[in-house]
Amino acid sequence: MKSWMRSFHGMNGLALSCPFIPAESAAVRPRGSNSCCGCICCKYGSNLSDEGTEDAIYDSYAMRKFVGINFLEEDAPDATTLLKFRRLLEQYGLNKLFFDAINRVMVETGHMLKGGTVVDATIINASPSTKNAQKQRDPEMHQTKKGNEWRFGMKCHIGVDAFSGLVHTIEVTPANIHDIQVTSKLIREDDEVVYGDSGYLGIEKREEIVSDVHLSSIDYRINRRPSSLQKVSGNSVDWDRIIEYAKSSVRCKVEHPFRIVKCLFGYRKVAYKGLAKNENRLYALFASANLYALASRGRTLAAAW
């Protein structure tokens, strides 16, 4: 966590929000947006509510130091201030700007390369309860069956750099949308090869792929289903499985960002109603996941900023 904090402070990414903040906005106190930005990062990184973030800053010295608040000079932003600031980020889509800005720097500094993408998707659960004023579940979420289990929520699709494992594209859909339907939106303009699991089999035959000159020229290295691999008898070399292992050794990089967001940041269940608010939060989470991945490798973007 300390290394992630150093990377984030070094680039000062959420300063992008300053031009969008009204001079006399009730959402931000006169001291500026730096403390609010730090509080939002603590909120996302620890999966806390607005009230929980306010309490955590008073209780935790590490969070206080990260936010940069000196109680001799100022108080921590209260829950209402954080709520209004978060809505400001959602209104102007600043988390996406933050995500894109970090990716541009990663490309310029050589941390993220071009030419190959790994695609995958994960389901993020939502509450199926109907105990509300409308007596219904979230209309923007949907149910789907994965294996023998029914899930209700949304699906997060990501495109990951095949070299570094850093996330470069995010798409959010209801859970019933198949992974292969969003693949064309996850591929970059300069990609020459795409990796994916067996859920993406047949992607090269889809209309949006065939009709596009660039997408139709890409080499799609999709893992075959294990049941389709024939057994090899005797001392013969099982070339099919060797090829599949080689594909999987690259494709597995897409699972690491999901682990950071779901297990480390605790985002296994949606925090808000609707896709837009959750998508805005996912941009900040995956941007932080990219920074955390760099910091865990002993790298930082501080010099570039």
C-alpha atoms as a PDB file:
ATOM      1  CA  MET A   1       0.000   0.000   0.000  1.00  0.00           C
ATOM      2  CA  LYS A   2       2.865   2.385   0.764  1.00  0.00           C
ATOM      3  CA  SER A   3       4.398   1.871  -2.666  1.00  0.00           C
ATOM      4  CA  TRP A   4       1.019   2.496  -4.314  1.00  0.00           C
ATOM      5  CA  MET A   5       0.617   5.719  -2.308  1.00  0.00           C
ATOM      6  CA  ARG A   6       4.064   6.918  -3.394  1.00  0.00           C
ATOM      7  CA  SER A   7       3.214   6.303  -7.048  1.00  0.00           C
ATOM      8  CA  PHE A   8      -0.074   8.137  -6.769  1.00  0.00           C
ATOM      9  CA  HIS A   9       1.388  11.143  -4.957  1.00  0.00           C
ATOM     10  CA  GLY A  10       4.267  11.316  -7.416  1.00  0.00           C
ATOM     11  CA  MET A  11       1.996  11.863 -10.403  1.00  0.00           C
ATOM     12  CA  ASN A  12      -0.732  13.892  -8.633  1.00  0.00           C
ATOM     13  CA  GLY A  13      -3.242  12.553 -11.147  1.00  0.00           C
ATOM     14  CA  LEU A  14      -6.525  13.752  -9.708  1.00  0.00           C
ATOM     15  CA  ALA A  15      -5.386  17.357 -10.030  1.00  0.00           C
ATOM     16  CA  LEU A  16      -7.116  17.020 -13.417  1.00  0.00           C
ATOM     17  CA  SER A  17     -10.355  17.788 -11.602  1.00  0.00           C
ATOM     18  CA  CYS A  18      -9.343  21.302 -10.544  1.00  0.00           C
ATOM     19  CA  PRO A  19     -10.416  23.129 -13.766  1.00  0.00           C
ATOM     20  CA  PHE A  20     -13.921  21.653 -13.418  1.00  0.00           C
ATOM     21  CA  ILE A  21     -14.504  22.793  -9.827  1.00  0.00           C
ATOM     22  CA  PRO A  22     -16.573  26.003  -9.495  1.00  0.00           C
ATOM     23  CA  ALA A  23     -14.836  28.777  -7.565  1.00  0.00           C
ATOM     24  CA  GLU A  24     -17.630  28.990  -4.993  1.00  0.00           C
ATOM     25  CA  SER A  25     -18.795  25.385  -5.110  1.00  0.00           C
ATOM     26  CA  ALA A  26     -20.330  24.029  -1.931  1.00  0.00           C
ATOM     27  CA  ALA A  27     -18.793  20.665  -2.760  1.00  0.00           C
ATOM     28  CA  VAL A  28     -15.232  21.810  -2.083  1.00  0.00           C
ATOM     29  CA  ARG A  29     -13.868  23.931   0.701  1.00  0.00           C
ATOM     30  CA  PRO A  30     -11.616  26.923  -0.049  1.00  0.00           C
ATOM     31  CA  ARG A  31      -8.447  24.915   0.640  1.00  0.00           C
ATOM     32  CA  GLY A  32      -8.804  23.211  -2.781  1.00  0.00           C
ATOM     33  CA  SER A  33      -9.420  19.729  -4.096  1.00  0.00           C
ATOM     34  CA  ASN A  34      -6.226  17.947  -3.011  1.00  0.00           C
ATOM     35  CA  SER A  35      -7.614  16.692   0.294  1.00  0.00           C
ATOM     36  CA  CYS A  36     -10.892  15.609  -1.362  1.00  0.00           C
ATOM     37  CA  CYS A  37      -8.953  13.735  -4.049  1.00  0.00           C
ATOM     38  CA  GLY A  38      -6.934  11.920  -1.400  1.00  0.00           C
ATOM     39  CA  CYS A  39     -10.098  11.031   0.514  1.00  0.00           C
ATOM     40  CA  ILE A  40     -11.738   9.641  -2.636  1.00  0.00           C
ATOM     41  CA  CYS A  41      -8.657   7.467  -3.257  1.00  0.00           C
ATOM     42  CA  CYS A  42      -8.846   6.137   0.308  1.00  0.00           C
ATOM     43  CA  LYS A  43     -12.559   5.505  -0.164  1.00  0.00           C
ATOM     44  CA  TYR A  44     -12.036   3.513  -3.373  1.00  0.00           C
ATOM     45  CA  GLY A  45      -8.933   1.688  -2.200  1.00  0.00           C
ATOM     46  CA  SER A  46     -10.532   0.545   1.068  1.00  0.00           C
ATOM     47  CA  ASN A  47     -14.094   0.167  -0.296  1.00  0.00           C
ATOM     48  CA  LEU A  48     -15.567   2.516   2.306  1.00  0.00           C
ATOM     49  CA  SER A  49     -18.724   4.606   2.405  1.00  0.00           C
ATOM     50  CA  ASP A  50     -18.507   8.400   2.604  1.00  0.00           C
ATOM     51  CA  GLU A  51     -19.153   8.287   6.343  1.00  0.00           C
ATOM     52  CA  GLY A  52     -16.692   5.432   6.778  1.00  0.00           C
ATOM     53  CA  THR A  53     -14.010   7.378   4.898  1.00  0.00           C
ATOM     54  CA  GLU A  54     -14.463  10.391   7.159  1.00  0.00           C
ATOM     55  CA  ASP A  55     -14.142   8.207  10.272  1.00  0.00           C
ATOM     56  CA  ALA A  56     -11.169   6.297   8.862  1.00  0.00           C
ATOM     57  CA  ILE A  57      -9.210   9.501   8.262  1.00  0.00           C
ATOM     58  CA  TYR A  58      -9.639  10.471  11.906  1.00  0.00           C
ATOM     59  CA  ASP A  59      -8.757   6.958  13.121  1.00  0.00           C
ATOM     60  CA  SER A  60      -5.937   5.983  10.750  1.00  0.00           C
ATOM     61  CA  TYR A  61      -2.598   7.801  10.721  1.00  0.00           C
ATOM     62  CA  ALA A  62      -1.671   6.161   7.376  1.00  0.00           C
ATOM     63  CA  MET A  63      -4.774   7.588   5.667  1.00  0.00           C
ATOM     64  CA  ARG A  64      -4.243  10.978   7.290  1.00  0.00           C
ATOM     65  CA  LYS A  65      -0.686  11.056   5.992  1.00  0.00           C
ATOM     66  CA  PHE A  66      -1.783   9.973   2.516  1.00  0.00           C
ATOM     67  CA  VAL A  67      -4.478  12.668   2.314  1.00  0.00           C
ATOM     68  CA  GLY A  68      -2.040  15.267   3.706  1.00  0.00           C
ATOM     69  CA  ILE A  69      -4.286  16.699   6.399  1.00  0.00           C
ATOM     70  CA  ASN A  70      -2.836  18.435   9.444  1.00  0.00           C
ATOM     71  CA  PHE A  71      -5.466  18.583  12.173  1.00  0.00           C
ATOM     72  CA  LEU A  72      -3.751  21.638  13.659  1.00  0.00           C
ATOM     73  CA  GLU A  73      -4.670  23.574  10.527  1.00  0.00           C
ATOM     74  CA  GLU A  74      -7.819  21.965   9.089  1.00  0.00           C
ATOM     75  CA  ASP A  75     -10.418  19.243   9.567  1.00  0.00           C
ATOM     76  CA  ALA A  76     -11.009  16.239   7.360  1.00  0.00           C
ATOM     77  CA  PRO A  77     -13.713  16.674   4.673  1.00  0.00           C
ATOM     78  CA  ASP A  78     -17.036  15.474   6.037  1.00  0.00           C
ATOM     79  CA  ALA A  79     -19.262  12.873   4.388  1.00  0.00           C
ATOM     80  CA  THR A  80     -21.455  15.490   2.669  1.00  0.00           C
ATOM     81  CA  THR A  81     -18.407  17.175   1.119  1.00  0.00           C
ATOM     82  CA  LEU A  82     -17.137  13.833  -0.174  1.00  0.00           C
ATOM     83  CA  LEU A  83     -20.577  13.007  -1.589  1.00  0.00           C
ATOM     84  CA  LYS A  84     -20.762  16.283  -3.529  1.00  0.00           C
ATOM     85  CA  PHE A  85     -17.187  15.942  -4.752  1.00  0.00           C
ATOM     86  CA  ARG A  86     -17.842  12.368  -5.910  1.00  0.00           C
ATOM     87  CA  ARG A  87     -20.907  13.541  -7.835  1.00  0.00           C
ATOM     88  CA  LEU A  88     -18.735  16.211  -9.434  1.00  0.00           C
ATOM     89  CA  LEU A  89     -16.365  13.494 -10.664  1.00  0.00           C
ATOM     90  CA  GLU A  90     -19.317  11.532 -12.031  1.00  0.00           C
ATOM     91  CA  GLN A  91     -20.911  14.548 -13.714  1.00  0.00           C
ATOM     92  CA  TYR A  92     -17.813  15.433 -15.748  1.00  0.00           C
ATOM     93  CA  GLY A  93     -16.467  11.885 -16.174  1.00  0.00           C
ATOM     94  CA  LEU A  94     -13.187  12.858 -14.523  1.00  0.00           C
ATOM     95  CA  ASN A  95     -12.272   9.329 -13.465  1.00  0.00           C
ATOM     96  CA  LYS A  96     -12.095   8.344 -17.143  1.00  0.00           C
ATOM     97  CA  LEU A  97      -9.857  11.363 -17.816  1.00  0.00           C
ATOM     98  CA  PHE A  98      -7.699  10.247 -14.913  1.00  0.00           C
ATOM     99  CA  PHE A  99      -7.511   6.704 -16.316  1.00  0.00           C
ATOM    100  CA  ASP A 100      -6.656   7.917 -19.849  1.00  0.00           C
ATOM    101  CA  ALA A 101      -4.015  10.347 -18.553  1.00  0.00           C
ATOM    102  CA  ILE A 102      -2.221   7.599 -16.641  1.00  0.00           C
ATOM    103  CA  ASN A 103      -2.275   5.317 -19.691  1.00  0.00           C
ATOM    104  CA  ARG A 104      -0.801   8.030 -21.915  1.00  0.00           C
ATOM    105  CA  VAL A 105       2.098   8.463 -19.524  1.00  0.00           C
ATOM    106  CA  MET A 106       2.587   4.699 -19.298  1.00  0.00           C
ATOM    107  CA  VAL A 107       2.814   4.476 -23.079  1.00  0.00           C
ATOM    108  CA  GLU A 108       5.231   7.427 -23.282  1.00  0.00           C
ATOM    109  CA  THR A 109       7.499   6.007 -20.582  1.00  0.00           C
ATOM    110  CA  GLY A 110       7.519   2.487 -22.050  1.00  0.00           C
ATOM    111  CA  HIS A 111       5.613   0.796 -19.231  1.00  0.00           C
ATOM    112  CA  MET A 112       2.756  -0.100 -21.586  1.00  0.00           C
ATOM    113  CA  LEU A 113       3.534  -1.370 -25.077  1.00  0.00           C
ATOM    114  CA  LYS A 114       1.387  -1.724 -28.172  1.00  0.00           C
ATOM    115  CA  GLY A 115       0.697  -4.527 -30.604  1.00  0.00           C
ATOM    116  CA  GLY A 116      -1.125  -7.086 -28.459  1.00  0.00           C
ATOM    117  CA  THR A 117      -4.220  -7.222 -26.241  1.00  0.00           C
ATOM    118  CA  VAL A 118      -5.697  -9.775 -23.861  1.00  0.00           C
ATOM    119  CA  VAL A 119      -9.479  -9.568 -23.383  1.00  0.00           C
ATOM    120  CA  ASP A 120     -11.648 -10.931 -20.592  1.00  0.00           C
ATOM    121  CA  ALA A 121     -14.708 -10.088 -18.506  1.00  0.00           C
ATOM    122  CA  THR A 122     -15.928 -10.605 -14.959  1.00  0.00           C
ATOM    123  CA  ILE A 123     -19.338 -10.392 -13.312  1.00  0.00           C
ATOM    124  CA  ILE A 124     -19.776  -7.940 -10.440  1.00  0.00           C
ATOM    125  CA  ASN A 125     -22.770  -8.827  -8.313  1.00  0.00           C
ATOM    126  CA  ALA A 126     -25.600  -6.448  -7.482  1.00  0.00           C
ATOM    127  CA  SER A 127     -28.265  -6.687  -4.826  1.00  0.00           C
ATOM    128  CA  PRO A 128     -31.306  -8.686  -6.051  1.00  0.00           C
ATOM    129  CA  SER A 129     -33.493  -7.280  -3.286  1.00  0.00           C
ATOM    130  CA  THR A 130     -36.844  -5.667  -4.129  1.00  0.00           C
ATOM    131  CA  LYS A 131     -37.283  -4.054  -0.708  1.00  0.00           C
ATOM    132  CA  ASN A 132     -37.327  -0.469  -1.973  1.00  0.00           C
ATOM    133  CA  ALA A 133     -39.803   2.215  -2.989  1.00  0.00           C
ATOM    134  CA  GLN A 134     -40.071   0.914  -6.550  1.00  0.00           C
ATOM    135  CA  LYS A 135     -40.470  -2.722  -5.423  1.00  0.00           C
ATOM    136  CA  GLN A 136     -38.064  -3.847  -8.149  1.00  0.00           C
ATOM    137  CA  ARG A 137     -34.434  -4.676  -8.771  1.00  0.00           C
ATOM    138  CA  ASP A 138     -32.036  -2.312 -10.515  1.00  0.00           C
ATOM    139  CA  PRO A 139     -33.397  -2.132 -14.107  1.00  0.00           C
ATOM    140  CA  GLU A 140     -29.921  -1.555 -15.594  1.00  0.00           C
ATOM    141  CA  MET A 141     -28.557  -4.787 -14.094  1.00  0.00           C
ATOM    142  CA  HIS A 142     -29.472  -8.234 -15.372  1.00  0.00           C
ATOM    143  CA  GLN A 143     -29.232 -11.864 -14.377  1.00  0.00           C
ATOM    144  CA  THR A 144     -27.183 -14.517 -16.119  1.00  0.00           C
ATOM    145  CA  LYS A 145     -26.184 -18.101 -15.527  1.00  0.00           C
ATOM    146  CA  LYS A 146     -22.526 -18.946 -15.039  1.00  0.00           C
ATOM    147  CA  GLY A 147     -21.977 -22.666 -14.742  1.00  0.00           C
ATOM    148  CA  ASN A 148     -24.790 -23.903 -12.497  1.00  0.00           C
ATOM    149  CA  GLU A 149     -25.124 -20.625 -10.600  1.00  0.00           C
ATOM    150  CA  TRP A 150     -27.410 -17.697 -11.395  1.00  0.00           C
ATOM    151  CA  ARG A 151     -25.808 -14.273 -10.944  1.00  0.00           C
ATOM    152  CA  PHE A 152     -27.415 -10.817 -10.924  1.00  0.00           C
ATOM    153  CA  GLY A 153     -25.407  -7.695 -11.641  1.00  0.00           C
ATOM    154  CA  MET A 154     -23.207  -6.161 -14.309  1.00  0.00           C
ATOM    155  CA  LYS A 155     -20.243  -7.321 -16.343  1.00  0.00           C
ATOM    156  CA  CYS A 156     -16.918  -5.517 -16.605  1.00  0.00           C
ATOM    157  CA  HIS A 157     -14.974  -6.121 -19.843  1.00  0.00           C
ATOM    158  CA  ILE A 158     -11.310  -5.108 -20.001  1.00  0.00           C
ATOM    159  CA  GLY A 159      -8.548  -5.054 -22.561  1.00  0.00           C
ATOM    160  CA  VAL A 160      -5.054  -5.611 -21.143  1.00  0.00           C
ATOM    161  CA  ASP A 161      -1.664  -4.994 -22.706  1.00  0.00           C
ATOM    162  CA  ALA A 162      -0.281  -8.424 -23.608  1.00  0.00           C
ATOM    163  CA  PHE A 163       3.256  -7.416 -22.561  1.00  0.00           C
ATOM    164  CA  SER A 164       2.807  -5.593 -19.260  1.00  0.00           C
ATOM    165  CA  GLY A 165      -0.613  -6.786 -18.082  1.00  0.00           C
ATOM    166  CA  LEU A 166      -1.807  -3.186 -17.591  1.00  0.00           C
ATOM    167  CA  VAL A 167      -5.433  -2.297 -18.371  1.00  0.00           C
ATOM    168  CA  HIS A 168      -5.911   0.048 -21.340  1.00  0.00           C
ATOM    169  CA  THR A 169      -9.676  -0.222 -22.088  1.00  0.00           C
ATOM    170  CA  ILE A 170     -12.802  -0.747 -19.970  1.00  0.00           C
ATOM    171  CA  GLU A 171     -16.402  -1.435 -20.991  1.00  0.00           C
ATOM    172  CA  VAL A 172     -19.387  -2.029 -18.681  1.00  0.00           C
ATOM    173  CA  THR A 173     -22.568  -3.885 -19.672  1.00  0.00           C
ATOM    174  CA  PRO A 174     -25.418  -5.787 -17.981  1.00  0.00           C
ATOM    175  CA  ALA A 175     -24.398  -9.286 -16.930  1.00  0.00           C
ATOM    176  CA  ASN A 176     -26.389 -11.009 -19.690  1.00  0.00           C
ATOM    177  CA  ILE A 177     -24.287  -9.498 -22.503  1.00  0.00           C
ATOM    178  CA  HIS A 178     -21.880 -12.126 -23.853  1.00  0.00           C
ATOM    179  CA  ASP A 179     -18.168 -11.395 -23.700  1.00  0.00           C
ATOM    180  CA  ILE A 180     -17.703 -11.750 -27.455  1.00  0.00           C
ATOM    181  CA  GLN A 181     -20.197  -8.955 -28.216  1.00  0.00           C
ATOM    182  CA  VAL A 182     -17.935  -6.281 -26.686  1.00  0.00           C
ATOM    183  CA  THR A 183     -14.573  -7.533 -27.935  1.00  0.00           C
ATOM    184  CA  SER A 184     -14.296  -5.119 -30.867  1.00  0.00           C
ATOM    185  CA  LYS A 185     -14.453  -2.165 -28.434  1.00  0.00           C
ATOM    186  CA  LEU A 186     -11.513  -3.509 -26.399  1.00  0.00           C
ATOM    187  CA  ILE A 187      -9.050  -3.763 -29.297  1.00  0.00           C
ATOM    188  CA  ARG A 188      -6.655  -0.878 -29.937  1.00  0.00           C
ATOM    189  CA  GLU A 189      -5.983   0.548 -33.388  1.00  0.00           C
ATOM    190  CA  ASP A 190      -2.425  -0.809 -33.493  1.00  0.00           C
ATOM    191  CA  ASP A 191      -3.085  -4.299 -32.123  1.00  0.00           C
ATOM    192  CA  GLU A 192      -1.852  -7.180 -34.259  1.00  0.00           C
ATOM    193  CA  VAL A 193      -2.710 -10.104 -31.969  1.00  0.00           C
ATOM    194  CA  VAL A 194      -5.531 -10.725 -29.469  1.00  0.00           C
ATOM    195  CA  TYR A 195      -5.640 -13.387 -26.750  1.00  0.00           C
ATOM    196  CA  GLY A 196      -8.762 -14.683 -25.023  1.00  0.00           C
ATOM    197  CA  ASP A 197     -10.292 -17.707 -23.331  1.00  0.00           C
ATOM    198  CA  SER A 198     -12.622 -20.209 -24.985  1.00  0.00           C
ATOM    199  CA  GLY A 199     -15.576 -17.862 -24.532  1.00  0.00           C
ATOM    200  CA  TYR A 200     -14.238 -15.864 -27.479  1.00  0.00           C
ATOM    201  CA  LEU A 201     -14.106 -18.770 -29.933  1.00  0.00           C
ATOM    202  CA  GLY A 202     -15.477 -17.785 -33.320  1.00  0.00           C
ATOM    203  CA  ILE A 203     -14.815 -14.087 -32.895  1.00  0.00           C
ATOM    204  CA  GLU A 204     -13.120 -13.824 -36.290  1.00  0.00           C
ATOM    205  CA  LYS A 205     -16.450 -14.805 -37.937  1.00  0.00           C
ATOM    206  CA  ARG A 206     -18.533 -12.018 -36.374  1.00  0.00           C
ATOM    207  CA  GLU A 207     -19.918  -9.328 -38.666  1.00  0.00           C
ATOM    208  CA  GLU A 208     -18.253  -6.383 -36.903  1.00  0.00           C
ATOM    209  CA  ILE A 209     -14.882  -8.139 -37.237  1.00  0.00           C
ATOM    210  CA  VAL A 210     -15.239  -9.272 -40.852  1.00  0.00           C
ATOM    211  CA  SER A 211     -16.492  -5.870 -42.039  1.00  0.00           C
ATOM    212  CA  ASP A 212     -13.539  -3.979 -40.510  1.00  0.00           C
ATOM    213  CA  VAL A 213     -10.221  -4.019 -42.366  1.00  0.00           C
ATOM    214  CA  HIS A 214      -8.060  -3.739 -39.260  1.00  0.00           C
ATOM    215  CA  LEU A 215     -10.039  -6.114 -37.030  1.00  0.00           C
ATOM    216  CA  SER A 216     -10.203  -8.793 -39.742  1.00  0.00           C
ATOM    217  CA  SER A 217      -6.399  -8.730 -40.145  1.00  0.00           C
ATOM    218  CA  ILE A 218      -5.685  -9.436 -36.449  1.00  0.00           C
ATOM    219  CA  ASP A 219      -4.331 -12.806 -35.339  1.00  0.00           C
ATOM    220  CA  TYR A 220      -6.866 -14.104 -32.760  1.00  0.00           C
ATOM    221  CA  ARG A 221      -5.145 -16.589 -30.464  1.00  0.00           C
ATOM    222  CA  ILE A 222      -8.109 -17.963 -28.549  1.00  0.00           C
ATOM    223  CA  ASN A 223      -7.775 -20.893 -26.156  1.00  0.00           C
ATOM    224  CA  ARG A 224      -9.599 -24.039 -27.202  1.00  0.00           C
ATOM    225  CA  ARG A 225     -11.875 -25.898 -24.831  1.00  0.00           C
ATOM    226  CA  PRO A 226     -10.033 -28.718 -23.003  1.00  0.00           C
ATOM    227  CA  SER A 227     -12.674 -31.218 -24.129  1.00  0.00           C
ATOM    228  CA  SER A 228     -11.801 -30.540 -27.770  1.00  0.00           C
ATOM    229  CA  LEU A 229      -8.162 -31.603 -27.326  1.00  0.00           C
ATOM    230  CA  GLN A 230      -7.513 -35.183 -28.313  1.00  0.00           C
ATOM    231  CA  LYS A 231      -5.491 -37.449 -26.076  1.00  0.00           C
ATOM    232  CA  VAL A 232      -2.067 -38.475 -27.309  1.00  0.00           C
ATOM    233  CA  SER A 233      -0.955 -42.059 -26.733  1.00  0.00           C
ATOM    234  CA  GLY A 234       2.527 -43.386 -26.158  1.00  0.00           C
ATOM    235  CA  ASN A 235       5.532 -41.082 -26.231  1.00  0.00           C
ATOM    236  CA  SER A 236       4.114 -38.737 -28.861  1.00  0.00           C
ATOM    237  CA  VAL A 237       4.470 -35.017 -28.333  1.00  0.00           C
ATOM    238  CA  ASP A 238       1.163 -33.372 -27.490  1.00  0.00           C
ATOM    239  CA  TRP A 239       1.597 -30.289 -29.641  1.00  0.00           C
ATOM    240  CA  ASP A 240      -1.987 -29.136 -29.160  1.00  0.00           C
ATOM    241  CA  ARG A 241      -1.575 -28.795 -25.406  1.00  0.00           C
ATOM    242  CA  ILE A 242       1.847 -27.189 -25.771  1.00  0.00           C
ATOM    243  CA  ILE A 243       0.293 -24.526 -27.986  1.00  0.00           C
ATOM    244  CA  GLU A 244      -2.585 -24.011 -25.538  1.00  0.00           C
ATOM    245  CA  TYR A 245      -0.149 -23.637 -22.628  1.00  0.00           C
ATOM    246  CA  ALA A 246       1.744 -20.991 -24.612  1.00  0.00           C
ATOM    247  CA  LYS A 247      -1.504 -19.079 -25.208  1.00  0.00           C
ATOM    248  CA  SER A 248      -2.494 -19.374 -21.542  1.00  0.00           C
ATOM    249  CA  SER A 249       0.876 -18.075 -20.354  1.00  0.00           C
ATOM    250  CA  VAL A 250       0.022 -14.757 -22.024  1.00  0.00           C
ATOM    251  CA  ARG A 251      -3.731 -14.787 -21.436  1.00  0.00           C
ATOM    252  CA  CYS A 252      -3.346 -15.241 -17.653  1.00  0.00           C
ATOM    253  CA  LYS A 253      -2.123 -11.634 -17.320  1.00  0.00           C
ATOM    254  CA  VAL A 254      -5.698 -10.413 -17.680  1.00  0.00           C
ATOM    255  CA  GLU A 255      -6.664 -12.079 -14.385  1.00  0.00           C
ATOM    256  CA  HIS A 256      -4.256  -9.995 -12.270  1.00  0.00           C
ATOM    257  CA  PRO A 257      -6.158  -6.659 -12.518  1.00  0.00           C
ATOM    258  CA  PHE A 258      -9.385  -8.450 -11.568  1.00  0.00           C
ATOM    259  CA  ARG A 259      -7.647  -9.855  -8.496  1.00  0.00           C
ATOM    260  CA  ILE A 260      -6.433  -6.402  -7.435  1.00  0.00           C
ATOM    261  CA  VAL A 261      -9.841  -4.755  -7.893  1.00  0.00           C
ATOM    262  CA  LYS A 262     -11.903  -7.548  -6.343  1.00  0.00           C
ATOM    263  CA  CYS A 263      -9.622  -8.956  -3.645  1.00  0.00           C
ATOM    264  CA  LEU A 264      -7.341  -6.057  -2.716  1.00  0.00           C
ATOM    265  CA  PHE A 265      -9.761  -3.167  -3.201  1.00  0.00           C
ATOM    266  CA  GLY A 266     -12.781  -5.266  -2.177  1.00  0.00           C
ATOM    267  CA  TYR A 267     -15.001  -4.335  -5.137  1.00  0.00           C
ATOM    268  CA  ARG A 268     -16.881  -7.628  -5.467  1.00  0.00           C
ATOM    269  CA  LYS A 269     -20.322  -6.032  -5.349  1.00  0.00           C
ATOM    270  CA  VAL A 270     -21.592  -2.872  -7.026  1.00  0.00           C
ATOM    271  CA  ALA A 271     -21.654   0.205  -4.838  1.00  0.00           C
ATOM    272  CA  TYR A 272     -24.381   2.183  -6.603  1.00  0.00           C
ATOM    273  CA  LYS A 273     -27.485   1.728  -8.740  1.00  0.00           C
ATOM    274  CA  GLY A 274     -27.083   1.999 -12.498  1.00  0.00           C
ATOM    275  CA  LEU A 275     -24.155   1.325 -14.803  1.00  0.00           C
ATOM    276  CA  ALA A 276     -22.819   4.887 -15.175  1.00  0.00           C
ATOM    277  CA  LYS A 277     -21.851   5.449 -11.531  1.00  0.00           C
ATOM    278  CA  ASN A 278     -20.258   2.034 -11.214  1.00  0.00           C
ATOM    279  CA  GLU A 279     -18.383   2.512 -14.494  1.00  0.00           C
ATOM    280  CA  ASN A 280     -17.015   5.822 -13.219  1.00  0.00           C
ATOM    281  CA  ARG A 281     -15.768   4.074 -10.103  1.00  0.00           C
ATOM    282  CA  LEU A 282     -14.222   1.228 -12.111  1.00  0.00           C
ATOM    283  CA  TYR A 283     -12.111   3.717 -14.090  1.00  0.00           C
ATOM    284  CA  ALA A 284     -10.585   4.950 -10.834  1.00  0.00           C
ATOM    285  CA  LEU A 285     -10.135   1.413  -9.511  1.00  0.00           C
ATOM    286  CA  PHE A 286      -8.377   0.108 -12.618  1.00  0.00           C
ATOM    287  CA  ALA A 287      -6.225   3.235 -12.809  1.00  0.00           C
ATOM    288  CA  SER A 288      -5.201   2.546  -9.214  1.00  0.00           C
ATOM    289  CA  ALA A 289      -4.701  -1.137 -10.083  1.00  0.00           C
ATOM    290  CA  ASN A 290      -2.283  -0.131 -12.854  1.00  0.00           C
ATOM    291  CA  LEU A 291      -0.358   2.072 -10.434  1.00  0.00           C
ATOM    292  CA  TYR A 292      -0.317  -0.667  -7.834  1.00  0.00           C
ATOM    293  CA  ALA A 293       0.976  -3.169 -10.400  1.00  0.00           C
ATOM    294  CA  LEU A 294       3.802  -0.786 -11.307  1.00  0.00           C
ATOM    295  CA  ALA A 295       4.645  -0.094  -7.685  1.00  0.00           C
ATOM    296  CA  SER A 296       4.733  -3.811  -6.842  1.00  0.00           C
ATOM    297  CA  ARG A 297       7.382  -4.201  -9.559  1.00  0.00           C
ATOM    298  CA  GLY A 298       9.466  -1.424  -8.067  1.00  0.00           C
ATOM    299  CA  ARG A 299       8.528   1.129 -10.753  1.00  0.00           C
ATOM    300  CA  THR A 300       6.924   4.550 -10.485  1.00  0.00           C
ATOM    301  CA  LEU A 301       5.544   7.319 -12.690  1.00  0.00           C
ATOM    302  CA  ALA A 302       6.828  10.082 -10.423  1.00  0.00           C
ATOM    303  CA  ALA A 303       9.661  11.055 -12.769  1.00  0.00           C
ATOM    304  CA  ALA A 304       7.337  11.348 -15.746  1.00  0.00           C
ATOM    305  CA  TRP A 305       5.022  13.773 -13.995  1.00  0.00           C
END
